[in-house]
């Protein structure tokens, strides 16, 4: 099994959706839990890396686990051993780059 490096590469925020769907509207702003550049290492055992948002972990775990087990996404991805995933918050999603790394 390989370790997987998880890096926050982007945070999005859609204020028009926030105003329409959230009780606090656009004042909530982008995700307060993650920041661009945050890095985490998954070392196996289905254990969430410390500091990672639990909701995001639920969303990206399948991809993390697959890369840890040696999954390949060729020919769809031009960088084998990596994947771009995001959490499922449709108003303020966080985008992650996952990369299999040697232990």
PDB file of N, CA and C in Angstrom:
ATOM      1  N   UNK A   1       0.834  -1.175   0.000  1.00  0.00           N
ATOM      2  CA  UNK A   1       0.000   0.000   0.000  1.00  0.00           C
ATOM      3  C   UNK A   1       0.885   1.248   0.000  1.00  0.00           C
ATOM      4  N   UNK A   2       0.433   2.240  -0.726  1.00  0.00           N
ATOM      5  CA  UNK A   2       1.154   3.509  -0.792  1.00  0.00           C
ATOM      6  C   UNK A   2       0.487   4.542   0.110  1.00  0.00           C
ATOM      7  N   UNK A   3       1.295   5.488   0.559  1.00  0.00           N
ATOM      8  CA  UNK A   3       0.724   6.649   1.225  1.00  0.00           C
ATOM      9  C   UNK A   3       0.120   7.549   0.153  1.00  0.00           C
ATOM     10  N   UNK A   4      -0.794   8.413   0.550  1.00  0.00           N
ATOM     11  CA  UNK A   4      -1.409   9.340  -0.389  1.00  0.00           C
ATOM     12  C   UNK A   4      -1.307  10.746   0.189  1.00  0.00           C
ATOM     13  N   UNK A   5      -0.696  11.625  -0.589  1.00  0.00           N
ATOM     14  CA  UNK A   5      -0.622  13.037  -0.208  1.00  0.00           C
ATOM     15  C   UNK A   5      -1.889  13.726  -0.697  1.00  0.00           C
ATOM     16  N   UNK A   6      -2.521  14.467   0.186  1.00  0.00           N
ATOM     17  CA  UNK A   6      -3.762  15.196  -0.105  1.00  0.00           C
ATOM     18  C   UNK A   6      -3.451  16.673   0.053  1.00  0.00           C
ATOM     19  N   UNK A   7      -3.648  17.450  -1.019  1.00  0.00           N
ATOM     20  CA  UNK A   7      -3.337  18.876  -0.986  1.00  0.00           C
ATOM     21  C   UNK A   7      -4.563  19.677  -1.411  1.00  0.00           C
ATOM     22  N   UNK A   8      -4.894  20.701  -0.635  1.00  0.00           N
ATOM     23  CA  UNK A   8      -5.970  21.611  -1.016  1.00  0.00           C
ATOM     24  C   UNK A   8      -5.423  22.526  -2.117  1.00  0.00           C
ATOM     25  N   UNK A   9      -6.038  22.452  -3.304  1.00  0.00           N
ATOM     26  CA  UNK A   9      -5.542  23.274  -4.415  1.00  0.00           C
ATOM     27  C   UNK A   9      -6.479  24.422  -4.790  1.00  0.00           C
ATOM     28  N   UNK A  10      -7.704  24.394  -4.286  1.00  0.00           N
ATOM     29  CA  UNK A  10      -8.632  25.486  -4.609  1.00  0.00           C
ATOM     30  C   UNK A  10      -9.811  25.462  -3.644  1.00  0.00           C
ATOM     31  N   UNK A  11     -10.302  26.652  -3.369  1.00  0.00           N
ATOM     32  CA  UNK A  11     -11.553  26.809  -2.619  1.00  0.00           C
ATOM     33  C   UNK A  11     -12.477  27.662  -3.477  1.00  0.00           C
ATOM     34  N   UNK A  12     -13.698  27.233  -3.614  1.00  0.00           N
ATOM     35  CA  UNK A  12     -14.689  27.979  -4.391  1.00  0.00           C
ATOM     36  C   UNK A  12     -15.770  28.496  -3.451  1.00  0.00           C
ATOM     37  N   UNK A  13     -16.495  29.497  -3.911  1.00  0.00           N
ATOM     38  CA  UNK A  13     -17.631  30.014  -3.159  1.00  0.00           C
ATOM     39  C   UNK A  13     -18.603  30.640  -4.135  1.00  0.00           C
ATOM     40  N   UNK A  14     -19.858  30.247  -4.029  1.00  0.00           N
ATOM     41  CA  UNK A  14     -20.894  30.739  -4.920  1.00  0.00           C
ATOM     42  C   UNK A  14     -21.910  31.540  -4.107  1.00  0.00           C
ATOM     43  N   UNK A  15     -21.683  32.863  -3.967  1.00  0.00           N
ATOM     44  CA  UNK A  15     -22.545  33.679  -3.106  1.00  0.00           C
ATOM     45  C   UNK A  15     -24.001  33.707  -3.549  1.00  0.00           C
ATOM     46  N   UNK A  16     -24.262  33.592  -4.846  1.00  0.00           N
ATOM     47  CA  UNK A  16     -25.655  33.608  -5.304  1.00  0.00           C
ATOM     48  C   UNK A  16     -26.412  32.383  -4.801  1.00  0.00           C
ATOM     49  N   UNK A  17     -25.728  31.250  -4.709  1.00  0.00           N
ATOM     50  CA  UNK A  17     -26.355  30.053  -4.146  1.00  0.00           C
ATOM     51  C   UNK A  17     -26.503  30.201  -2.630  1.00  0.00           C
ATOM     52  N   UNK A  18     -25.486  30.772  -1.992  1.00  0.00           N
ATOM     53  CA  UNK A  18     -25.544  30.966  -0.546  1.00  0.00           C
ATOM     54  C   UNK A  18     -26.738  31.827  -0.167  1.00  0.00           C
ATOM     55  N   UNK A  19     -26.949  32.915  -0.902  1.00  0.00           N
ATOM     56  CA  UNK A  19     -28.089  33.782  -0.601  1.00  0.00           C
ATOM     57  C   UNK A  19     -29.417  33.067  -0.807  1.00  0.00           C
ATOM     58  N   UNK A  20     -29.472  32.191  -1.781  1.00  0.00           N
ATOM     59  CA  UNK A  20     -30.713  31.476  -2.063  1.00  0.00           C
ATOM     60  C   UNK A  20     -30.979  30.298  -1.132  1.00  0.00           C
ATOM     61  N   UNK A  21     -29.931  29.643  -0.633  1.00  0.00           N
ATOM     62  CA  UNK A  21     -30.122  28.375   0.058  1.00  0.00           C
ATOM     63  C   UNK A  21     -29.655  28.304   1.512  1.00  0.00           C
ATOM     64  N   UNK A  22     -28.792  29.215   1.936  1.00  0.00           N
ATOM     65  CA  UNK A  22     -28.291  29.150   3.307  1.00  0.00           C
ATOM     66  C   UNK A  22     -28.960  30.193   4.182  1.00  0.00           C
ATOM     67  N   UNK A  23     -29.245  29.831   5.410  1.00  0.00           N
ATOM     68  CA  UNK A  23     -29.924  30.775   6.309  1.00  0.00           C
ATOM     69  C   UNK A  23     -29.092  32.025   6.553  1.00  0.00           C
ATOM     70  N   UNK A  24     -27.764  31.916   6.554  1.00  0.00           N
ATOM     71  CA  UNK A  24     -26.902  33.081   6.773  1.00  0.00           C
ATOM     72  C   UNK A  24     -26.480  33.752   5.467  1.00  0.00           C
ATOM     73  N   UNK A  25     -26.899  33.192   4.338  1.00  0.00           N
ATOM     74  CA  UNK A  25     -26.582  33.789   3.048  1.00  0.00           C
ATOM     75  C   UNK A  25     -25.100  33.855   2.769  1.00  0.00           C
ATOM     76  N   UNK A  26     -24.710  34.825   1.936  1.00  0.00           N
ATOM     77  CA  UNK A  26     -23.316  34.905   1.486  1.00  0.00           C
ATOM     78  C   UNK A  26     -22.340  35.307   2.584  1.00  0.00           C
ATOM     79  N   UNK A  27     -22.859  35.711   3.743  1.00  0.00           N
ATOM     80  CA  UNK A  27     -21.970  36.056   4.855  1.00  0.00           C
ATOM     81  C   UNK A  27     -21.170  34.855   5.351  1.00  0.00           C
ATOM     82  N   UNK A  28     -21.626  33.635   5.044  1.00  0.00           N
ATOM     83  CA  UNK A  28     -20.881  32.456   5.504  1.00  0.00           C
ATOM     84  C   UNK A  28     -19.511  32.373   4.842  1.00  0.00           C
ATOM     85  N   UNK A  29     -19.385  32.854   3.613  1.00  0.00           N
ATOM     86  CA  UNK A  29     -18.105  32.835   2.912  1.00  0.00           C
ATOM     87  C   UNK A  29     -17.646  31.438   2.544  1.00  0.00           C
ATOM     88  N   UNK A  30     -16.424  31.342   2.020  1.00  0.00           N
ATOM     89  CA  UNK A  30     -15.871  30.043   1.633  1.00  0.00           C
ATOM     90  C   UNK A  30     -15.649  29.153   2.859  1.00  0.00           C
ATOM     91  N   UNK A  31     -15.355  27.908   2.619  1.00  0.00           N
ATOM     92  CA  UNK A  31     -15.119  26.936   3.682  1.00  0.00           C
ATOM     93  C   UNK A  31     -14.102  27.482   4.695  1.00  0.00           C
ATOM     94  N   UNK A  32     -14.470  27.504   5.973  1.00  0.00           N
ATOM     95  CA  UNK A  32     -13.552  28.020   6.984  1.00  0.00           C
ATOM     96  C   UNK A  32     -12.569  26.963   7.521  1.00  0.00           C
ATOM     97  N   UNK A  33     -12.748  25.709   7.118  1.00  0.00           N
ATOM     98  CA  UNK A  33     -11.946  24.633   7.692  1.00  0.00           C
ATOM     99  C   UNK A  33     -10.663  24.333   6.927  1.00  0.00           C
ATOM    100  N   UNK A  34     -10.649  24.564   5.630  1.00  0.00           N
ATOM    101  CA  UNK A  34      -9.507  24.216   4.790  1.00  0.00           C
ATOM    102  C   UNK A  34      -8.937  25.483   4.146  1.00  0.00           C
ATOM    103  N   UNK A  35      -7.636  25.461   3.877  1.00  0.00           N
ATOM    104  CA  UNK A  35      -6.975  26.566   3.191  1.00  0.00           C
ATOM    105  C   UNK A  35      -6.148  26.035   2.034  1.00  0.00           C
ATOM    106  N   UNK A  36      -6.065  26.808   0.963  1.00  0.00           N
ATOM    107  CA  UNK A  36      -5.236  26.413  -0.172  1.00  0.00           C
ATOM    108  C   UNK A  36      -3.810  26.201   0.335  1.00  0.00           C
ATOM    109  N   UNK A  37      -3.246  25.071  -0.059  1.00  0.00           N
ATOM    110  CA  UNK A  37      -1.894  24.718   0.365  1.00  0.00           C
ATOM    111  C   UNK A  37      -1.850  23.754   1.540  1.00  0.00           C
ATOM    112  N   UNK A  38      -2.964  23.563   2.246  1.00  0.00           N
ATOM    113  CA  UNK A  38      -2.984  22.574   3.333  1.00  0.00           C
ATOM    114  C   UNK A  38      -2.624  21.206   2.767  1.00  0.00           C
ATOM    115  N   UNK A  39      -1.763  20.475   3.476  1.00  0.00           N
ATOM    116  CA  UNK A  39      -1.339  19.136   3.050  1.00  0.00           C
ATOM    117  C   UNK A  39      -1.580  18.127   4.160  1.00  0.00           C
ATOM    118  N   UNK A  40      -1.968  16.950   3.734  1.00  0.00           N
ATOM    119  CA  UNK A  40      -2.233  15.848   4.650  1.00  0.00           C
ATOM    120  C   UNK A  40      -1.654  14.583   4.037  1.00  0.00           C
ATOM    121  N   UNK A  41      -1.249  13.639   4.871  1.00  0.00           N
ATOM    122  CA  UNK A  41      -0.750  12.349   4.394  1.00  0.00           C
ATOM    123  C   UNK A  41      -1.641  11.244   4.945  1.00  0.00           C
ATOM    124  N   UNK A  42      -2.185  10.461   4.021  1.00  0.00           N
ATOM    125  CA  UNK A  42      -2.945   9.270   4.388  1.00  0.00           C
ATOM    126  C   UNK A  42      -1.965   8.117   4.452  1.00  0.00           C
ATOM    127  N   UNK A  43      -1.945   7.410   5.598  1.00  0.00           N
ATOM    128  CA  UNK A  43      -0.996   6.323   5.804  1.00  0.00           C
ATOM    129  C   UNK A  43      -1.664   4.961   5.906  1.00  0.00           C
ATOM    130  N   UNK A  44      -2.937   4.892   5.539  1.00  0.00           N
ATOM    131  CA  UNK A  44      -3.634   3.621   5.554  1.00  0.00           C
ATOM    132  C   UNK A  44      -4.555   3.455   6.740  1.00  0.00           C
ATOM    133  N   UNK A  45      -5.083   2.261   6.863  1.00  0.00           N
ATOM    134  CA  UNK A  45      -5.975   1.880   7.965  1.00  0.00           C
ATOM    135  C   UNK A  45      -7.284   2.654   7.993  1.00  0.00           C
ATOM    136  N   UNK A  46      -7.687   3.246   6.901  1.00  0.00           N
ATOM    137  CA  UNK A  46      -8.938   4.001   6.793  1.00  0.00           C
ATOM    138  C   UNK A  46      -9.008   5.150   7.782  1.00  0.00           C
ATOM    139  N   UNK A  47      -7.856   5.544   8.326  1.00  0.00           N
ATOM    140  CA  UNK A  47      -7.824   6.611   9.322  1.00  0.00           C
ATOM    141  C   UNK A  47      -7.687   7.970   8.649  1.00  0.00           C
ATOM    142  N   UNK A  48      -8.609   8.869   8.970  1.00  0.00           N
ATOM    143  CA  UNK A  48      -8.589  10.210   8.410  1.00  0.00           C
ATOM    144  C   UNK A  48      -7.369  10.956   8.928  1.00  0.00           C
ATOM    145  N   UNK A  49      -6.616  11.612   8.034  1.00  0.00           N
ATOM    146  CA  UNK A  49      -5.486  12.413   8.502  1.00  0.00           C
ATOM    147  C   UNK A  49      -5.954  13.530   9.439  1.00  0.00           C
ATOM    148  N   UNK A  50      -5.193  13.760  10.478  1.00  0.00           N
ATOM    149  CA  UNK A  50      -5.526  14.785  11.461  1.00  0.00           C
ATOM    150  C   UNK A  50      -5.641  16.152  10.785  1.00  0.00           C
ATOM    151  N   UNK A  51      -6.718  16.867  11.113  1.00  0.00           N
ATOM    152  CA  UNK A  51      -6.930  18.210  10.599  1.00  0.00           C
ATOM    153  C   UNK A  51      -7.765  18.289   9.337  1.00  0.00           C
ATOM    154  N   UNK A  52      -8.013  17.165   8.691  1.00  0.00           N
ATOM    155  CA  UNK A  52      -8.826  17.153   7.474  1.00  0.00           C
ATOM    156  C   UNK A  52     -10.303  17.233   7.861  1.00  0.00           C
ATOM    157  N   UNK A  53     -11.077  17.956   7.090  1.00  0.00           N
ATOM    158  CA  UNK A  53     -12.511  18.081   7.344  1.00  0.00           C
ATOM    159  C   UNK A  53     -13.169  16.703   7.245  1.00  0.00           C
ATOM    160  N   UNK A  54     -13.918  16.292   8.264  1.00  0.00           N
ATOM    161  CA  UNK A  54     -14.562  14.970   8.223  1.00  0.00           C
ATOM    162  C   UNK A  54     -15.535  14.803   7.053  1.00  0.00           C
ATOM    163  N   UNK A  55     -16.248  15.859   6.678  1.00  0.00           N
ATOM    164  CA  UNK A  55     -17.175  15.751   5.541  1.00  0.00           C
ATOM    165  C   UNK A  55     -16.400  15.562   4.244  1.00  0.00           C
ATOM    166  N   UNK A  56     -15.315  16.305   4.073  1.00  0.00           N
ATOM    167  CA  UNK A  56     -14.489  16.145   2.871  1.00  0.00           C
ATOM    168  C   UNK A  56     -13.889  14.736   2.834  1.00  0.00           C
ATOM    169  N   UNK A  57     -13.472  14.237   3.997  1.00  0.00           N
ATOM    170  CA  UNK A  57     -12.901  12.893   4.064  1.00  0.00           C
ATOM    171  C   UNK A  57     -13.884  11.853   3.543  1.00  0.00           C
ATOM    172  N   UNK A  58     -15.136  11.958   3.945  1.00  0.00           N
ATOM    173  CA  UNK A  58     -16.157  11.032   3.463  1.00  0.00           C
ATOM    174  C   UNK A  58     -16.255  11.104   1.936  1.00  0.00           C
ATOM    175  N   UNK A  59     -16.154  12.316   1.396  1.00  0.00           N
ATOM    176  CA  UNK A  59     -16.295  12.514  -0.047  1.00  0.00           C
ATOM    177  C   UNK A  59     -15.107  12.000  -0.851  1.00  0.00           C
ATOM    178  N   UNK A  60     -13.886  12.125  -0.323  1.00  0.00           N
ATOM    179  CA  UNK A  60     -12.701  11.763  -1.115  1.00  0.00           C
ATOM    180  C   UNK A  60     -12.103  10.414  -0.738  1.00  0.00           C
ATOM    181  N   UNK A  61     -12.602   9.789   0.320  1.00  0.00           N
ATOM    182  CA  UNK A  61     -11.980   8.559   0.807  1.00  0.00           C
ATOM    183  C   UNK A  61     -11.869   7.468  -0.255  1.00  0.00           C
ATOM    184  N   UNK A  62     -12.887   7.279  -1.050  1.00  0.00           N
ATOM    185  CA  UNK A  62     -12.845   6.212  -2.068  1.00  0.00           C
ATOM    186  C   UNK A  62     -11.650   6.414  -3.004  1.00  0.00           C
ATOM    187  N   UNK A  63     -11.408   7.655  -3.431  1.00  0.00           N
ATOM    188  CA  UNK A  63     -10.274   7.937  -4.305  1.00  0.00           C
ATOM    189  C   UNK A  63      -8.945   7.769  -3.597  1.00  0.00           C
ATOM    190  N   UNK A  64      -8.876   8.195  -2.334  1.00  0.00           N
ATOM    191  CA  UNK A  64      -7.659   8.030  -1.540  1.00  0.00           C
ATOM    192  C   UNK A  64      -7.331   6.548  -1.399  1.00  0.00           C
ATOM    193  N   UNK A  65      -8.311   5.762  -1.043  1.00  0.00           N
ATOM    194  CA  UNK A  65      -8.108   4.329  -0.843  1.00  0.00           C
ATOM    195  C   UNK A  65      -7.683   3.638  -2.140  1.00  0.00           C
ATOM    196  N   UNK A  66      -8.303   4.035  -3.248  1.00  0.00           N
ATOM    197  CA  UNK A  66      -7.949   3.430  -4.538  1.00  0.00           C
ATOM    198  C   UNK A  66      -6.502   3.729  -4.900  1.00  0.00           C
ATOM    199  N   UNK A  67      -6.074   4.986  -4.746  1.00  0.00           N
ATOM    200  CA  UNK A  67      -4.680   5.330  -5.061  1.00  0.00           C
ATOM    201  C   UNK A  67      -3.717   4.605  -4.130  1.00  0.00           C
ATOM    202  N   UNK A  68      -4.081   4.470  -2.876  1.00  0.00           N
ATOM    203  CA  UNK A  68      -3.240   3.761  -1.922  1.00  0.00           C
ATOM    204  C   UNK A  68      -3.029   2.310  -2.343  1.00  0.00           C
ATOM    205  N   UNK A  69      -4.052   1.734  -2.955  1.00  0.00           N
ATOM    206  CA  UNK A  69      -3.984   0.336  -3.402  1.00  0.00           C
ATOM    207  C   UNK A  69      -3.351   0.185  -4.786  1.00  0.00           C
ATOM    208  N   UNK A  70      -2.957   1.302  -5.414  1.00  0.00           N
ATOM    209  CA  UNK A  70      -2.276   1.225  -6.702  1.00  0.00           C
ATOM    210  C   UNK A  70      -3.146   1.459  -7.912  1.00  0.00           C
ATOM    211  N   UNK A  71      -4.337   2.035  -7.721  1.00  0.00           N
ATOM    212  CA  UNK A  71      -5.231   2.288  -8.856  1.00  0.00           C
ATOM    213  C   UNK A  71      -4.565   3.187  -9.888  1.00  0.00           C
ATOM    214  N   UNK A  72      -4.954   2.983 -11.129  1.00  0.00           N
ATOM    215  CA  UNK A  72      -4.475   3.831 -12.214  1.00  0.00           C
ATOM    216  C   UNK A  72      -5.679   4.456 -12.909  1.00  0.00           C
ATOM    217  N   UNK A  73      -5.507   5.669 -13.364  1.00  0.00           N
ATOM    218  CA  UNK A  73      -6.592   6.346 -14.064  1.00  0.00           C
ATOM    219  C   UNK A  73      -6.215   6.663 -15.505  1.00  0.00           C
ATOM    220  N   UNK A  74      -5.163   5.988 -15.995  1.00  0.00           N
ATOM    221  CA  UNK A  74      -4.797   6.110 -17.403  1.00  0.00           C
ATOM    222  C   UNK A  74      -5.836   5.354 -18.216  1.00  0.00           C
ATOM    223  N   UNK A  75      -6.239   5.798 -19.326  1.00  0.00           N
ATOM    224  CA  UNK A  75      -5.742   6.938 -20.099  1.00  0.00           C
ATOM    225  C   UNK A  75      -6.498   8.242 -19.841  1.00  0.00           C
ATOM    226  N   UNK A  76      -7.385   8.285 -18.843  1.00  0.00           N
ATOM    227  CA  UNK A  76      -8.177   9.495 -18.613  1.00  0.00           C
ATOM    228  C   UNK A  76      -7.358  10.632 -18.011  1.00  0.00           C
ATOM    229  N   UNK A  77      -6.442  10.311 -17.112  1.00  0.00           N
ATOM    230  CA  UNK A  77      -5.575  11.325 -16.506  1.00  0.00           C
ATOM    231  C   UNK A  77      -4.196  11.240 -17.126  1.00  0.00           C
ATOM    232  N   UNK A  78      -3.574  12.382 -17.357  1.00  0.00           N
ATOM    233  CA  UNK A  78      -2.226  12.354 -17.926  1.00  0.00           C
ATOM    234  C   UNK A  78      -1.156  12.299 -16.841  1.00  0.00           C
ATOM    235  N   UNK A  79      -1.547  12.305 -15.582  1.00  0.00           N
ATOM    236  CA  UNK A  79      -0.611  12.133 -14.469  1.00  0.00           C
ATOM    237  C   UNK A  79      -1.049  10.914 -13.674  1.00  0.00           C
ATOM    238  N   UNK A  80      -0.538   9.757 -14.048  1.00  0.00           N
ATOM    239  CA  UNK A  80      -0.939   8.530 -13.373  1.00  0.00           C
ATOM    240  C   UNK A  80      -0.517   8.586 -11.906  1.00  0.00           C
ATOM    241  N   UNK A  81      -1.326   8.009 -11.052  1.00  0.00           N
ATOM    242  CA  UNK A  81      -1.036   8.030  -9.627  1.00  0.00           C
ATOM    243  C   UNK A  81      -1.569   9.264  -8.931  1.00  0.00           C
ATOM    244  N   UNK A  82      -2.364  10.039  -9.633  1.00  0.00           N
ATOM    245  CA  UNK A  82      -2.960  11.215  -9.003  1.00  0.00           C
ATOM    246  C   UNK A  82      -4.401  11.378  -9.467  1.00  0.00           C
ATOM    247  N   UNK A  83      -5.122  12.170  -8.711  1.00  0.00           N
ATOM    248  CA  UNK A  83      -6.520  12.400  -9.031  1.00  0.00           C
ATOM    249  C   UNK A  83      -6.933  13.740  -8.421  1.00  0.00           C
ATOM    250  N   UNK A  84      -7.846  14.437  -9.070  1.00  0.00           N
ATOM    251  CA  UNK A  84      -8.412  15.677  -8.551  1.00  0.00           C
ATOM    252  C   UNK A  84      -9.842  15.377  -8.124  1.00  0.00           C
ATOM    253  N   UNK A  85     -10.143  15.646  -6.853  1.00  0.00           N
ATOM    254  CA  UNK A  85     -11.482  15.414  -6.312  1.00  0.00           C
ATOM    255  C   UNK A  85     -11.890  16.623  -5.476  1.00  0.00           C
ATOM    256  N   UNK A  86     -13.175  16.704  -5.175  1.00  0.00           N
ATOM    257  CA  UNK A  86     -13.624  17.793  -4.314  1.00  0.00           C
ATOM    258  C   UNK A  86     -14.686  17.293  -3.349  1.00  0.00           C
ATOM    259  N   UNK A  87     -14.905  18.081  -2.312  1.00  0.00           N
ATOM    260  CA  UNK A  87     -15.991  17.757  -1.398  1.00  0.00           C
ATOM    261  C   UNK A  87     -17.309  18.084  -2.091  1.00  0.00           C
ATOM    262  N   UNK A  88     -18.387  17.598  -1.547  1.00  0.00           N
ATOM    263  CA  UNK A  88     -19.679  17.746  -2.217  1.00  0.00           C
ATOM    264  C   UNK A  88     -20.475  18.954  -1.749  1.00  0.00           C
ATOM    265  N   UNK A  89     -19.839  19.899  -1.091  1.00  0.00           N
ATOM    266  CA  UNK A  89     -20.524  21.138  -0.724  1.00  0.00           C
ATOM    267  C   UNK A  89     -20.705  21.956  -2.000  1.00  0.00           C
ATOM    268  N   UNK A  90     -21.916  22.038  -2.483  1.00  0.00           N
ATOM    269  CA  UNK A  90     -22.184  22.715  -3.746  1.00  0.00           C
ATOM    270  C   UNK A  90     -22.141  24.223  -3.676  1.00  0.00           C
ATOM    271  N   UNK A  91     -22.046  24.786  -2.488  1.00  0.00           N
ATOM    272  CA  UNK A  91     -21.999  26.239  -2.335  1.00  0.00           C
ATOM    273  C   UNK A  91     -20.579  26.719  -2.063  1.00  0.00           C
ATOM    274  N   UNK A  92     -19.805  25.935  -1.338  1.00  0.00           N
ATOM    275  CA  UNK A  92     -18.419  26.310  -1.034  1.00  0.00           C
ATOM    276  C   UNK A  92     -17.492  25.092  -1.085  1.00  0.00           C
ATOM    277  N   UNK A  93     -17.365  24.495  -2.269  1.00  0.00           N
ATOM    278  CA  UNK A  93     -16.540  23.289  -2.393  1.00  0.00           C
ATOM    279  C   UNK A  93     -15.040  23.564  -2.249  1.00  0.00           C
ATOM    280  N   UNK A  94     -14.361  22.542  -1.788  1.00  0.00           N
ATOM    281  CA  UNK A  94     -12.899  22.555  -1.682  1.00  0.00           C
ATOM    282  C   UNK A  94     -12.381  21.483  -2.631  1.00  0.00           C
ATOM    283  N   UNK A  95     -11.360  21.836  -3.428  1.00  0.00           N
ATOM    284  CA  UNK A  95     -10.799  20.927  -4.417  1.00  0.00           C
ATOM    285  C   UNK A  95      -9.463  20.400  -3.902  1.00  0.00           C
ATOM    286  N   UNK A  96      -9.279  19.095  -4.023  1.00  0.00           N
ATOM    287  CA  UNK A  96      -8.080  18.420  -3.524  1.00  0.00           C
ATOM    288  C   UNK A  96      -7.330  17.723  -4.658  1.00  0.00           C
ATOM    289  N   UNK A  97      -6.004  17.738  -4.575  1.00  0.00           N
ATOM    290  CA  UNK A  97      -5.184  16.896  -5.450  1.00  0.00           C
ATOM    291  C   UNK A  97      -4.704  15.736  -4.581  1.00  0.00           C
ATOM    292  N   UNK A  98      -4.973  14.520  -5.057  1.00  0.00           N
ATOM    293  CA  UNK A  98      -4.509  13.316  -4.377  1.00  0.00           C
ATOM    294  C   UNK A  98      -3.352  12.746  -5.188  1.00  0.00           C
ATOM    295  N   UNK A  99      -2.308  12.324  -4.491  1.00  0.00           N
ATOM    296  CA  UNK A  99      -1.138  11.796  -5.180  1.00  0.00           C
ATOM    297  C   UNK A  99      -0.552  10.626  -4.391  1.00  0.00           C
ATOM    298  N   UNK A 100      -0.458   9.465  -5.030  1.00  0.00           N
ATOM    299  CA  UNK A 100       0.172   8.315  -4.399  1.00  0.00           C
ATOM    300  C   UNK A 100       1.663   8.586  -4.257  1.00  0.00           C
ATOM    301  N   UNK A 101       2.186   8.338  -3.073  1.00  0.00           N
ATOM    302  CA  UNK A 101       3.612   8.550  -2.806  1.00  0.00           C
ATOM    303  C   UNK A 101       4.175   7.313  -2.140  1.00  0.00           C
ATOM    304  N   UNK A 102       5.467   7.113  -2.289  1.00  0.00           N
ATOM    305  CA  UNK A 102       6.115   5.965  -1.637  1.00  0.00           C
ATOM    306  C   UNK A 102       6.072   6.149  -0.135  1.00  0.00           C
ATOM    307  N   UNK A 103       6.036   5.035   0.555  1.00  0.00           N
ATOM    308  CA  UNK A 103       5.956   5.081   2.024  1.00  0.00           C
ATOM    309  C   UNK A 103       7.229   5.638   2.611  1.00  0.00           C
TER     310      UNK A 103
END
